[in-house]
PDB file of N, CA and C in Angstrom:
ATOM      1  N   MET A   1     -20.051 -82.120 -82.638  1.00  0.00           N
ATOM      2  CA  MET A   1     -20.564 -82.935 -81.552  1.00  0.00           C
ATOM      3  C   MET A   1     -20.085 -84.376 -81.734  1.00  0.00           C
ATOM      4  N   ALA A   2     -19.747 -85.011 -80.644  1.00  0.00           N
ATOM      5  CA  ALA A   2     -19.334 -86.415 -80.692  1.00  0.00           C
ATOM      6  C   ALA A   2     -20.528 -87.295 -81.031  1.00  0.00           C
ATOM      7  N   GLU A   3     -20.266 -88.364 -81.756  1.00  0.00           N
ATOM      8  CA  GLU A   3     -21.349 -89.275 -82.109  1.00  0.00           C
ATOM      9  C   GLU A   3     -21.796 -90.054 -80.874  1.00  0.00           C
ATOM     10  N   ILE A   4     -23.084 -90.367 -80.826  1.00  0.00           N
ATOM     11  CA  ILE A   4     -23.655 -91.153 -79.743  1.00  0.00           C
ATOM     12  C   ILE A   4     -24.045 -92.509 -80.309  1.00  0.00           C
ATOM     13  N   TYR A   5     -23.388 -93.531 -79.817  1.00  0.00           N
ATOM     14  CA  TYR A   5     -23.656 -94.890 -80.275  1.00  0.00           C
ATOM     15  C   TYR A   5     -24.625 -95.568 -79.322  1.00  0.00           C
ATOM     16  N   PHE A   6     -25.429 -96.482 -79.861  1.00  0.00           N
ATOM     17  CA  PHE A   6     -26.302 -97.305 -79.031  1.00  0.00           C
ATOM     18  C   PHE A   6     -26.383 -98.691 -79.645  1.00  0.00           C
ATOM     19  N   THR A   7     -26.757 -99.651 -78.815  1.00  0.00           N
ATOM     20  CA  THR A   7     -26.855-101.045 -79.239  1.00  0.00           C
ATOM     21  C   THR A   7     -28.318-101.463 -79.247  1.00  0.00           C
ATOM     22  N   ILE A   8     -28.758-102.102 -80.319  1.00  0.00           N
ATOM     23  CA  ILE A   8     -30.092-102.707 -80.339  1.00  0.00           C
ATOM     24  C   ILE A   8     -29.919-104.138 -79.839  1.00  0.00           C
ATOM     25  N   THR A   9     -30.722-104.498 -78.877  1.00  0.00           N
ATOM     26  CA  THR A   9     -30.688-105.842 -78.320  1.00  0.00           C
ATOM     27  C   THR A   9     -32.096-106.427 -78.330  1.00  0.00           C
ATOM     28  N   GLY A  10     -32.200-107.711 -78.091  1.00  0.00           N
ATOM     29  CA  GLY A  10     -33.514-108.354 -78.013  1.00  0.00           C
ATOM     30  C   GLY A  10     -34.163-108.622 -79.350  1.00  0.00           C
ATOM     31  N   THR A  11     -33.415-108.510 -80.431  1.00  0.00           N
ATOM     32  CA  THR A  11     -34.001-108.719 -81.751  1.00  0.00           C
ATOM     33  C   THR A  11     -34.506-110.147 -81.936  1.00  0.00           C
ATOM     34  N   ASN A  12     -33.887-111.095 -81.216  1.00  0.00           N
ATOM     35  CA  ASN A  12     -34.301-112.504 -81.348  1.00  0.00           C
ATOM     36  C   ASN A  12     -35.729-112.734 -80.839  1.00  0.00           C
ATOM     37  N   HIS A  13     -36.263-111.797 -80.056  1.00  0.00           N
ATOM     38  CA  HIS A  13     -37.644-111.915 -79.557  1.00  0.00           C
ATOM     39  C   HIS A  13     -38.665-111.364 -80.551  1.00  0.00           C
ATOM     40  N   HIS A  14     -38.180-110.794 -81.649  1.00  0.00           N
ATOM     41  CA  HIS A  14     -39.077-110.149 -82.610  1.00  0.00           C
ATOM     42  C   HIS A  14     -38.847-110.710 -84.022  1.00  0.00           C
ATOM     43  N   HIS A  15     -38.071-110.045 -84.828  1.00  0.00           N
ATOM     44  CA  HIS A  15     -37.881-110.461 -86.220  1.00  0.00           C
ATOM     45  C   HIS A  15     -36.468-110.957 -86.508  1.00  0.00           C
ATOM     46  N   GLY A  16     -35.636-111.066 -85.484  1.00  0.00           N
ATOM     47  CA  GLY A  16     -34.236-111.412 -85.693  1.00  0.00           C
ATOM     48  C   GLY A  16     -33.464-110.188 -86.157  1.00  0.00           C
ATOM     49  N   GLN A  17     -32.202-110.388 -86.517  1.00  0.00           N
ATOM     50  CA  GLN A  17     -31.408-109.255 -86.992  1.00  0.00           C
ATOM     51  C   GLN A  17     -30.759-109.518 -88.348  1.00  0.00           C
ATOM     52  N   GLU A  18     -31.071-110.673 -88.919  1.00  0.00           N
ATOM     53  CA  GLU A  18     -30.465-111.044 -90.195  1.00  0.00           C
ATOM     54  C   GLU A  18     -30.796-110.062 -91.323  1.00  0.00           C
ATOM     55  N   PHE A  19     -31.937-109.424 -91.262  1.00  0.00           N
ATOM     56  CA  PHE A  19     -32.356-108.496 -92.313  1.00  0.00           C
ATOM     57  C   PHE A  19     -31.719-107.114 -92.174  1.00  0.00           C
ATOM     58  N   LEU A  20     -31.141-106.823 -91.017  1.00  0.00           N
ATOM     59  CA  LEU A  20     -30.553-105.502 -90.787  1.00  0.00           C
ATOM     60  C   LEU A  20     -29.226-105.362 -91.527  1.00  0.00           C
ATOM     61  N   GLU A  21     -29.005-104.172 -92.078  1.00  0.00           N
ATOM     62  CA  GLU A  21     -27.789-103.875 -92.824  1.00  0.00           C
ATOM     63  C   GLU A  21     -27.315-102.470 -92.473  1.00  0.00           C
ATOM     64  N   PRO A  22     -26.002-102.226 -92.598  1.00  0.00           N
ATOM     65  CA  PRO A  22     -25.493-100.873 -92.367  1.00  0.00           C
ATOM     66  C   PRO A  22     -26.245 -99.843 -93.208  1.00  0.00           C
ATOM     67  N   LYS A  23     -26.411 -98.678 -92.626  1.00  0.00           N
ATOM     68  CA  LYS A  23     -27.072 -97.503 -93.215  1.00  0.00           C
ATOM     69  C   LYS A  23     -28.594 -97.546 -93.131  1.00  0.00           C
ATOM     70  N   MET A  24     -29.182 -98.646 -92.663  1.00  0.00           N
ATOM     71  CA  MET A  24     -30.636 -98.674 -92.487  1.00  0.00           C
ATOM     72  C   MET A  24     -31.007 -97.735 -91.341  1.00  0.00           C
ATOM     73  N   GLU A  25     -32.143 -97.049 -91.489  1.00  0.00           N
ATOM     74  CA  GLU A  25     -32.601 -96.127 -90.456  1.00  0.00           C
ATOM     75  C   GLU A  25     -33.578 -96.837 -89.514  1.00  0.00           C
ATOM     76  N   VAL A  26     -33.447 -96.531 -88.229  1.00  0.00           N
ATOM     77  CA  VAL A  26     -34.346 -97.071 -87.216  1.00  0.00           C
ATOM     78  C   VAL A  26     -34.941 -95.909 -86.427  1.00  0.00           C
ATOM     79  N   LYS A  27     -36.077 -96.162 -85.804  1.00  0.00           N
ATOM     80  CA  LYS A  27     -36.758 -95.158 -84.995  1.00  0.00           C
ATOM     81  C   LYS A  27     -36.725 -95.591 -83.536  1.00  0.00           C
ATOM     82  N   LEU A  28     -36.317 -94.690 -82.664  1.00  0.00           N
ATOM     83  CA  LEU A  28     -36.308 -94.936 -81.226  1.00  0.00           C
ATOM     84  C   LEU A  28     -37.543 -94.283 -80.624  1.00  0.00           C
ATOM     85  N   VAL A  29     -38.234 -95.004 -79.760  1.00  0.00           N
ATOM     86  CA  VAL A  29     -39.449 -94.500 -79.128  1.00  0.00           C
ATOM     87  C   VAL A  29     -39.371 -94.802 -77.636  1.00  0.00           C
ATOM     88  N   LYS A  30     -39.422 -93.744 -76.821  1.00  0.00           N
ATOM     89  CA  LYS A  30     -39.405 -93.949 -75.369  1.00  0.00           C
ATOM     90  C   LYS A  30     -40.636 -94.739 -74.948  1.00  0.00           C
ATOM     91  N   GLU A  31     -40.454 -95.575 -73.944  1.00  0.00           N
ATOM     92  CA  GLU A  31     -41.539 -96.412 -73.448  1.00  0.00           C
ATOM     93  C   GLU A  31     -41.619 -96.283 -71.919  1.00  0.00           C
ATOM     94  N   PRO A  32     -42.016 -95.099 -71.406  1.00  0.00           N
ATOM     95  CA  PRO A  32     -41.996 -94.846 -69.960  1.00  0.00           C
ATOM     96  C   PRO A  32     -42.951 -95.725 -69.151  1.00  0.00           C
ATOM     97  N   ASP A  33     -43.941 -96.324 -69.804  1.00  0.00           N
ATOM     98  CA  ASP A  33     -44.884 -97.192 -69.098  1.00  0.00           C
ATOM     99  C   ASP A  33     -44.417 -98.643 -69.045  1.00  0.00           C
ATOM    100  N   ASN A  34     -43.203 -98.912 -69.513  1.00  0.00           N
ATOM    101  CA  ASN A  34     -42.651-100.266 -69.491  1.00  0.00           C
ATOM    102  C   ASN A  34     -42.473-100.696 -68.036  1.00  0.00           C
ATOM    103  N   GLU A  35     -43.100-101.789 -67.644  1.00  0.00           N
ATOM    104  CA  GLU A  35     -43.074-102.237 -66.250  1.00  0.00           C
ATOM    105  C   GLU A  35     -41.723-102.805 -65.832  1.00  0.00           C
ATOM    106  N   VAL A  36     -40.926-103.252 -66.784  1.00  0.00           N
ATOM    107  CA  VAL A  36     -39.624-103.843 -66.478  1.00  0.00           C
ATOM    108  C   VAL A  36     -38.537-102.780 -66.389  1.00  0.00           C
ATOM    109  N   ASP A  37     -38.608-101.748 -67.227  1.00  0.00           N
ATOM    110  CA  ASP A  37     -37.554-100.737 -67.296  1.00  0.00           C
ATOM    111  C   ASP A  37     -38.175 -99.381 -67.628  1.00  0.00           C
ATOM    112  N   LYS A  38     -38.193 -98.473 -66.685  1.00  0.00           N
ATOM    113  CA  LYS A  38     -38.792 -97.142 -66.891  1.00  0.00           C
ATOM    114  C   LYS A  38     -38.001 -96.298 -67.888  1.00  0.00           C
ATOM    115  N   GLU A  39     -36.749 -96.675 -68.175  1.00  0.00           N
ATOM    116  CA  GLU A  39     -35.933 -95.964 -69.155  1.00  0.00           C
ATOM    117  C   GLU A  39     -35.928 -96.672 -70.509  1.00  0.00           C
ATOM    118  N   ALA A  40     -36.823 -97.613 -70.699  1.00  0.00           N
ATOM    119  CA  ALA A  40     -36.847 -98.416 -71.930  1.00  0.00           C
ATOM    120  C   ALA A  40     -37.070 -97.543 -73.159  1.00  0.00           C
ATOM    121  N   ILE A  41     -36.316 -97.878 -74.207  1.00  0.00           N
ATOM    122  CA  ILE A  41     -36.475 -97.222 -75.499  1.00  0.00           C
ATOM    123  C   ILE A  41     -36.606 -98.332 -76.534  1.00  0.00           C
ATOM    124  N   LYS A  42     -37.795 -98.419 -77.139  1.00  0.00           N
ATOM    125  CA  LYS A  42     -37.980 -99.454 -78.147  1.00  0.00           C
ATOM    126  C   LYS A  42     -37.460 -98.967 -79.488  1.00  0.00           C
ATOM    127  N   VAL A  43     -37.097 -99.922 -80.334  1.00  0.00           N
ATOM    128  CA  VAL A  43     -36.573 -99.611 -81.657  1.00  0.00           C
ATOM    129  C   VAL A  43     -37.536-100.203 -82.677  1.00  0.00           C
ATOM    130  N   GLU A  44     -37.957 -99.362 -83.617  1.00  0.00           N
ATOM    131  CA  GLU A  44     -38.941 -99.762 -84.621  1.00  0.00           C
ATOM    132  C   GLU A  44     -38.414 -99.513 -86.024  1.00  0.00           C
ATOM    133  N   MET A  45     -39.024-100.215 -86.981  1.00  0.00           N
ATOM    134  CA  MET A  45     -38.770 -99.982 -88.406  1.00  0.00           C
ATOM    135  C   MET A  45     -40.110 -99.954 -89.126  1.00  0.00           C
ATOM    136  N   PRO A  46     -40.210 -99.123 -90.176  1.00  0.00           N
ATOM    137  CA  PRO A  46     -41.462 -99.051 -90.935  1.00  0.00           C
ATOM    138  C   PRO A  46     -41.854-100.424 -91.481  1.00  0.00           C
ATOM    139  N   GLY A  47     -43.114-100.752 -91.341  1.00  0.00           N
ATOM    140  CA  GLY A  47     -43.629-102.014 -91.859  1.00  0.00           C
ATOM    141  C   GLY A  47     -43.444-103.193 -90.928  1.00  0.00           C
ATOM    142  N   LEU A  48     -42.506-103.100 -89.990  1.00  0.00           N
ATOM    143  CA  LEU A  48     -42.256-104.192 -89.046  1.00  0.00           C
ATOM    144  C   LEU A  48     -42.684-103.848 -87.626  1.00  0.00           C
ATOM    145  N   GLY A  49     -42.627-102.577 -87.288  1.00  0.00           N
ATOM    146  CA  GLY A  49     -42.894-102.173 -85.917  1.00  0.00           C
ATOM    147  C   GLY A  49     -41.693-102.488 -85.036  1.00  0.00           C
ATOM    148  N   LEU A  50     -41.951-103.022 -83.863  1.00  0.00           N
ATOM    149  CA  LEU A  50     -40.914-103.289 -82.867  1.00  0.00           C
ATOM    150  C   LEU A  50     -39.920-104.336 -83.364  1.00  0.00           C
ATOM    151  N   ILE A  51     -38.627-103.970 -83.353  1.00  0.00           N
ATOM    152  CA  ILE A  51     -37.584-104.944 -83.731  1.00  0.00           C
ATOM    153  C   ILE A  51     -36.644-105.242 -82.565  1.00  0.00           C
ATOM    154  N   GLY A  52     -36.690-104.450 -81.497  1.00  0.00           N
ATOM    155  CA  GLY A  52     -35.817-104.662 -80.343  1.00  0.00           C
ATOM    156  C   GLY A  52     -35.849-103.453 -79.435  1.00  0.00           C
ATOM    157  N   TYR A  53     -34.854-103.386 -78.538  1.00  0.00           N
ATOM    158  CA  TYR A  53     -34.748-102.289 -77.576  1.00  0.00           C
ATOM    159  C   TYR A  53     -33.325-101.769 -77.532  1.00  0.00           C
ATOM    160  N   VAL A  54     -33.170-100.509 -77.119  1.00  0.00           N
ATOM    161  CA  VAL A  54     -31.837 -99.979 -76.868  1.00  0.00           C
ATOM    162  C   VAL A  54     -31.327-100.672 -75.607  1.00  0.00           C
ATOM    163  N   ALA A  55     -30.138-101.256 -75.708  1.00  0.00           N
ATOM    164  CA  ALA A  55     -29.549-101.977 -74.581  1.00  0.00           C
ATOM    165  C   ALA A  55     -29.440-101.056 -73.366  1.00  0.00           C
ATOM    166  N   ASN A  56     -29.735-101.590 -72.191  1.00  0.00           N
ATOM    167  CA  ASN A  56     -29.691-100.777 -70.971  1.00  0.00           C
ATOM    168  C   ASN A  56     -28.959-101.501 -69.851  1.00  0.00           C
ATOM    169  N   SER A  57     -28.026-102.349 -70.205  1.00  0.00           N
ATOM    170  CA  SER A  57     -27.263-103.110 -69.221  1.00  0.00           C
ATOM    171  C   SER A  57     -25.807-103.147 -69.648  1.00  0.00           C
ATOM    172  N   PRO A  58     -24.875-103.110 -68.702  1.00  0.00           N
ATOM    173  CA  PRO A  58     -23.455-103.204 -69.083  1.00  0.00           C
ATOM    174  C   PRO A  58     -23.137-104.524 -69.781  1.00  0.00           C
ATOM    175  N   TYR A  59     -23.995-105.512 -69.642  1.00  0.00           N
ATOM    176  CA  TYR A  59     -23.779-106.817 -70.277  1.00  0.00           C
ATOM    177  C   TYR A  59     -24.270-106.866 -71.717  1.00  0.00           C
ATOM    178  N   THR A  60     -25.077-105.883 -72.115  1.00  0.00           N
ATOM    179  CA  THR A  60     -25.647-105.921 -73.458  1.00  0.00           C
ATOM    180  C   THR A  60     -25.191-104.782 -74.364  1.00  0.00           C
ATOM    181  N   VAL A  61     -24.594-103.722 -73.808  1.00  0.00           N
ATOM    182  CA  VAL A  61     -24.098-102.649 -74.670  1.00  0.00           C
ATOM    183  C   VAL A  61     -22.806-103.095 -75.352  1.00  0.00           C
ATOM    184  N   ILE A  62     -22.587-102.640 -76.558  1.00  0.00           N
ATOM    185  CA  ILE A  62     -21.401-103.000 -77.328  1.00  0.00           C
ATOM    186  C   ILE A  62     -20.496-101.780 -77.450  1.00  0.00           C
ATOM    187  N   GLY A  63     -19.204-101.989 -77.257  1.00  0.00           N
ATOM    188  CA  GLY A  63     -18.208-100.943 -77.493  1.00  0.00           C
ATOM    189  C   GLY A  63     -18.491 -99.664 -76.734  1.00  0.00           C
ATOM    190  N   GLU A  64     -18.536 -98.560 -77.454  1.00  0.00           N
ATOM    191  CA  GLU A  64     -18.715 -97.234 -76.856  1.00  0.00           C
ATOM    192  C   GLU A  64     -20.182 -96.806 -76.788  1.00  0.00           C
ATOM    193  N   SER A  65     -21.076 -97.770 -76.837  1.00  0.00           N
ATOM    194  CA  SER A  65     -22.508 -97.471 -76.825  1.00  0.00           C
ATOM    195  C   SER A  65     -22.940 -96.798 -75.528  1.00  0.00           C
ATOM    196  N   PHE A  66     -23.893 -95.894 -75.655  1.00  0.00           N
ATOM    197  CA  PHE A  66     -24.595 -95.337 -74.501  1.00  0.00           C
ATOM    198  C   PHE A  66     -25.736 -96.297 -74.193  1.00  0.00           C
ATOM    199  N   SER A  67     -26.018 -96.510 -72.926  1.00  0.00           N
ATOM    200  CA  SER A  67     -27.175 -97.320 -72.538  1.00  0.00           C
ATOM    201  C   SER A  67     -28.443 -96.488 -72.719  1.00  0.00           C
ATOM    202  N   ALA A  68     -29.588 -97.142 -72.686  1.00  0.00           N
ATOM    203  CA  ALA A  68     -30.866 -96.423 -72.785  1.00  0.00           C
ATOM    204  C   ALA A  68     -30.975 -95.388 -71.671  1.00  0.00           C
ATOM    205  N   GLY A  69     -30.526 -95.743 -70.472  1.00  0.00           N
ATOM    206  CA  GLY A  69     -30.580 -94.810 -69.343  1.00  0.00           C
ATOM    207  C   GLY A  69     -29.765 -93.552 -69.573  1.00  0.00           C
ATOM    208  N   ARG A  70     -28.664 -93.684 -70.296  1.00  0.00           N
ATOM    209  CA  ARG A  70     -27.794 -92.526 -70.553  1.00  0.00           C
ATOM    210  C   ARG A  70     -28.330 -91.628 -71.657  1.00  0.00           C
ATOM    211  N   ILE A  71     -29.148 -92.170 -72.577  1.00  0.00           N
ATOM    212  CA  ILE A  71     -29.666 -91.313 -73.649  1.00  0.00           C
ATOM    213  C   ILE A  71     -31.127 -90.935 -73.458  1.00  0.00           C
ATOM    214  N   CYS A  72     -31.806 -91.554 -72.498  1.00  0.00           N
ATOM    215  CA  CYS A  72     -33.246 -91.335 -72.312  1.00  0.00           C
ATOM    216  C   CYS A  72     -33.598 -89.856 -72.143  1.00  0.00           C
ATOM    217  N   ASP A  73     -32.830 -89.126 -71.352  1.00  0.00           N
ATOM    218  CA  ASP A  73     -33.144 -87.715 -71.125  1.00  0.00           C
ATOM    219  C   ASP A  73     -32.471 -86.795 -72.147  1.00  0.00           C
ATOM    220  N   LYS A  74     -31.802 -87.370 -73.135  1.00  0.00           N
ATOM    221  CA  LYS A  74     -31.106 -86.582 -74.137  1.00  0.00           C
ATOM    222  C   LYS A  74     -31.826 -86.573 -75.487  1.00  0.00           C
ATOM    223  N   ILE A  75     -32.975 -87.252 -75.541  1.00  0.00           N
ATOM    224  CA  ILE A  75     -33.783 -87.259 -76.760  1.00  0.00           C
ATOM    225  C   ILE A  75     -35.218 -86.904 -76.391  1.00  0.00           C
ATOM    226  N   GLY A  76     -35.988 -86.520 -77.398  1.00  0.00           N
ATOM    227  CA  GLY A  76     -37.412 -86.271 -77.165  1.00  0.00           C
ATOM    228  C   GLY A  76     -38.135 -87.605 -77.045  1.00  0.00           C
ATOM    229  N   GLU A  77     -39.421 -87.600 -77.313  1.00  0.00           N
ATOM    230  CA  GLU A  77     -40.199 -88.842 -77.233  1.00  0.00           C
ATOM    231  C   GLU A  77     -39.757 -89.858 -78.283  1.00  0.00           C
ATOM    232  N   THR A  78     -39.242 -89.352 -79.412  1.00  0.00           N
ATOM    233  CA  THR A  78     -38.736 -90.220 -80.463  1.00  0.00           C
ATOM    234  C   THR A  78     -37.405 -89.666 -80.968  1.00  0.00           C
ATOM    235  N   ALA A  79     -36.656 -90.513 -81.619  1.00  0.00           N
ATOM    236  CA  ALA A  79     -35.393 -90.110 -82.248  1.00  0.00           C
ATOM    237  C   ALA A  79     -35.116 -91.090 -83.377  1.00  0.00           C
ATOM    238  N   ARG A  80     -34.120 -90.768 -84.182  1.00  0.00           N
ATOM    239  CA  ARG A  80     -33.740 -91.643 -85.280  1.00  0.00           C
ATOM    240  C   ARG A  80     -32.292 -92.064 -85.140  1.00  0.00           C
ATOM    241  N   GLY A  81     -32.001 -93.226 -85.661  1.00  0.00           N
ATOM    242  CA  GLY A  81     -30.637 -93.713 -85.647  1.00  0.00           C
ATOM    243  C   GLY A  81     -30.350 -94.455 -86.932  1.00  0.00           C
ATOM    244  N   LYS A  82     -29.072 -94.782 -87.116  1.00  0.00           N
ATOM    245  CA  LYS A  82     -28.651 -95.489 -88.324  1.00  0.00           C
ATOM    246  C   LYS A  82     -27.797 -96.684 -87.921  1.00  0.00           C
ATOM    247  N   VAL A  83     -28.054 -97.818 -88.540  1.00  0.00           N
ATOM    248  CA  VAL A  83     -27.290 -99.039 -88.285  1.00  0.00           C
ATOM    249  C   VAL A  83     -25.868 -98.860 -88.807  1.00  0.00           C
ATOM    250  N   LEU A  84     -24.886 -99.208 -87.963  1.00  0.00           N
ATOM    251  CA  LEU A  84     -23.484 -99.199 -88.378  1.00  0.00           C
ATOM    252  C   LEU A  84     -22.980-100.616 -88.634  1.00  0.00           C
ATOM    253  N   TYR A  85     -23.175-101.504 -87.639  1.00  0.00           N
ATOM    254  CA  TYR A  85     -22.667-102.878 -87.736  1.00  0.00           C
ATOM    255  C   TYR A  85     -23.696-103.852 -87.171  1.00  0.00           C
ATOM    256  N   VAL A  86     -23.832-104.990 -87.814  1.00  0.00           N
ATOM    257  CA  VAL A  86     -24.661-106.076 -87.307  1.00  0.00           C
ATOM    258  C   VAL A  86     -23.696-107.140 -86.792  1.00  0.00           C
ATOM    259  N   LEU A  87     -23.698-107.339 -85.481  1.00  0.00           N
ATOM    260  CA  LEU A  87     -22.761-108.238 -84.820  1.00  0.00           C
ATOM    261  C   LEU A  87     -23.513-109.360 -84.119  1.00  0.00           C
ATOM    262  N   PRO A  88     -22.849-110.457 -83.795  1.00  0.00           N
ATOM    263  CA  PRO A  88     -23.535-111.559 -83.109  1.00  0.00           C
ATOM    264  C   PRO A  88     -24.186-111.148 -81.782  1.00  0.00           C
ATOM    265  N   ARG A  89     -23.585-110.197 -81.057  1.00  0.00           N
ATOM    266  CA  ARG A  89     -24.100-109.784 -79.747  1.00  0.00           C
ATOM    267  C   ARG A  89     -25.133-108.674 -79.809  1.00  0.00           C
ATOM    268  N   GLY A  90     -25.353-108.094 -80.967  1.00  0.00           N
ATOM    269  CA  GLY A  90     -26.302-106.995 -81.086  1.00  0.00           C
ATOM    270  C   GLY A  90     -26.011-106.166 -82.311  1.00  0.00           C
ATOM    271  N   VAL A  91     -26.745-105.072 -82.450  1.00  0.00           N
ATOM    272  CA  VAL A  91     -26.616-104.207 -83.611  1.00  0.00           C
ATOM    273  C   VAL A  91     -26.136-102.844 -83.131  1.00  0.00           C
ATOM    274  N   LEU A  92     -24.967-102.424 -83.597  1.00  0.00           N
ATOM    275  CA  LEU A  92     -24.408-101.137 -83.204  1.00  0.00           C
ATOM    276  C   LEU A  92     -24.934-100.058 -84.140  1.00  0.00           C
ATOM    277  N   CYS A  93     -25.456 -98.985 -83.544  1.00  0.00           N
ATOM    278  CA  CYS A  93     -26.060 -97.892 -84.306  1.00  0.00           C
ATOM    279  C   CYS A  93     -25.521 -96.556 -83.811  1.00  0.00           C
ATOM    280  N   VAL A  94     -25.807 -95.516 -84.575  1.00  0.00           N
ATOM    281  CA  VAL A  94     -25.463 -94.157 -84.185  1.00  0.00           C
ATOM    282  C   VAL A  94     -26.738 -93.324 -84.184  1.00  0.00           C
ATOM    283  N   LEU A  95     -26.871 -92.472 -83.172  1.00  0.00           N
ATOM    284  CA  LEU A  95     -28.035 -91.607 -83.032  1.00  0.00           C
ATOM    285  C   LEU A  95     -27.925 -90.437 -84.001  1.00  0.00           C
ATOM    286  N   ASN A  96     -29.039 -90.024 -84.589  1.00  0.00           N
ATOM    287  CA  ASN A  96     -29.080 -88.871 -85.476  1.00  0.00           C
ATOM    288  C   ASN A  96     -28.809 -87.622 -84.629  1.00  0.00           C
ATOM    289  N   GLU A  97     -27.763 -86.864 -84.980  1.00  0.00           N
ATOM    290  CA  GLU A  97     -27.369 -85.679 -84.207  1.00  0.00           C
ATOM    291  C   GLU A  97     -28.500 -84.672 -84.065  1.00  0.00           C
ATOM    292  N   GLU A  98     -29.349 -84.547 -85.071  1.00  0.00           N
ATOM    293  CA  GLU A  98     -30.435 -83.567 -85.043  1.00  0.00           C
ATOM    294  C   GLU A  98     -31.477 -83.889 -83.975  1.00  0.00           C
ATOM    295  N   ASP A  99     -31.499 -85.127 -83.498  1.00  0.00           N
ATOM    296  CA  ASP A  99     -32.493 -85.540 -82.509  1.00  0.00           C
ATOM    297  C   ASP A  99     -31.988 -85.444 -81.074  1.00  0.00           C
ATOM    298  N   VAL A 100     -30.755 -84.978 -80.890  1.00  0.00           N
ATOM    299  CA  VAL A 100     -30.160 -84.897 -79.556  1.00  0.00           C
ATOM    300  C   VAL A 100     -30.488 -83.554 -78.916  1.00  0.00           C
ATOM    301  N   ILE A 101     -30.986 -83.609 -77.686  1.00  0.00           N
ATOM    302  CA  ILE A 101     -31.259 -82.409 -76.901  1.00  0.00           C
ATOM    303  C   ILE A 101     -30.007 -82.124 -76.078  1.00  0.00           C
ATOM    304  N   GLY A 102     -29.537 -80.893 -76.071  1.00  0.00           N
ATOM    305  CA  GLY A 102     -28.341 -80.552 -75.293  1.00  0.00           C
ATOM    306  C   GLY A 102     -27.092 -81.198 -75.852  1.00  0.00           C
ATOM    307  N   GLY A 103     -26.884 -81.097 -77.133  1.00  0.00           N
ATOM    308  CA  GLY A 103     -25.763 -81.737 -77.797  1.00  0.00           C
ATOM    309  C   GLY A 103     -24.408 -81.366 -77.236  1.00  0.00           C
ATOM    310  N   ASP A 104     -24.240 -80.136 -76.739  1.00  0.00           N
ATOM    311  CA  ASP A 104     -22.952 -79.728 -76.174  1.00  0.00           C
ATOM    312  C   ASP A 104     -22.600 -80.543 -74.945  1.00  0.00           C
ATOM    313  N   GLU A 105     -23.599 -80.881 -74.120  1.00  0.00           N
ATOM    314  CA  GLU A 105     -23.360 -81.700 -72.928  1.00  0.00           C
ATOM    315  C   GLU A 105     -22.902 -83.087 -73.327  1.00  0.00           C
ATOM    316  N   ILE A 106     -23.486 -83.670 -74.364  1.00  0.00           N
ATOM    317  CA  ILE A 106     -23.102 -84.992 -74.841  1.00  0.00           C
ATOM    318  C   ILE A 106     -21.652 -84.951 -75.299  1.00  0.00           C
ATOM    319  N   HIS A 107     -21.279 -83.892 -76.007  1.00  0.00           N
ATOM    320  CA  HIS A 107     -19.927 -83.778 -76.513  1.00  0.00           C
ATOM    321  C   HIS A 107     -18.928 -83.770 -75.350  1.00  0.00           C
ATOM    322  N   ARG A 108     -19.227 -82.987 -74.312  1.00  0.00           N
ATOM    323  CA  ARG A 108     -18.339 -82.939 -73.142  1.00  0.00           C
ATOM    324  C   ARG A 108     -18.271 -84.304 -72.457  1.00  0.00           C
ATOM    325  N   GLU A 109     -19.430 -84.945 -72.278  1.00  0.00           N
ATOM    326  CA  GLU A 109     -19.474 -86.249 -71.618  1.00  0.00           C
ATOM    327  C   GLU A 109     -18.672 -87.300 -72.388  1.00  0.00           C
ATOM    328  N   ALA A 110     -18.799 -87.300 -73.704  1.00  0.00           N
ATOM    329  CA  ALA A 110     -18.068 -88.268 -74.527  1.00  0.00           C
ATOM    330  C   ALA A 110     -16.566 -88.025 -74.458  1.00  0.00           C
ATOM    331  N   ASN A 111     -16.150 -86.764 -74.405  1.00  0.00           N
ATOM    332  CA  ASN A 111     -14.726 -86.442 -74.333  1.00  0.00           C
ATOM    333  C   ASN A 111     -14.120 -86.750 -72.972  1.00  0.00           C
ATOM    334  N   GLU A 112     -14.949 -86.819 -71.927  1.00  0.00           N
ATOM    335  CA  GLU A 112     -14.459 -87.120 -70.589  1.00  0.00           C
ATOM    336  C   GLU A 112     -14.231 -88.606 -70.380  1.00  0.00           C
ATOM    337  N   LYS A 113     -14.750 -89.442 -71.268  1.00  0.00           N
ATOM    338  CA  LYS A 113     -14.609 -90.912 -71.140  1.00  0.00           C
ATOM    339  C   LYS A 113     -13.174 -91.346 -71.246  1.00  0.00           C
TER     340      LYS A 113
END
């Protein structure tokens, strides 16, 4: 299956991103009651709670990242990811393959890009 990348954004509203390092694990939690974005997916870490959100705008996604809207229906209520790169514009992560629903569809979609 092709890897699914996502960008963590909005970290400056919480704890910043200076503490994040490659290989750290993050937890994605759907937030369907979010009044601003019904496809919102918050990103949490143990002991800190909310650290940011999965980017959901073409202006905030980095590289080959999927937006929150593109992965919202491909994960359960929660999923896990791993930090790959900490960049000035956001944090690039990869979704844990075991948490993807319909992985074959993701693979086809990624190959069609």
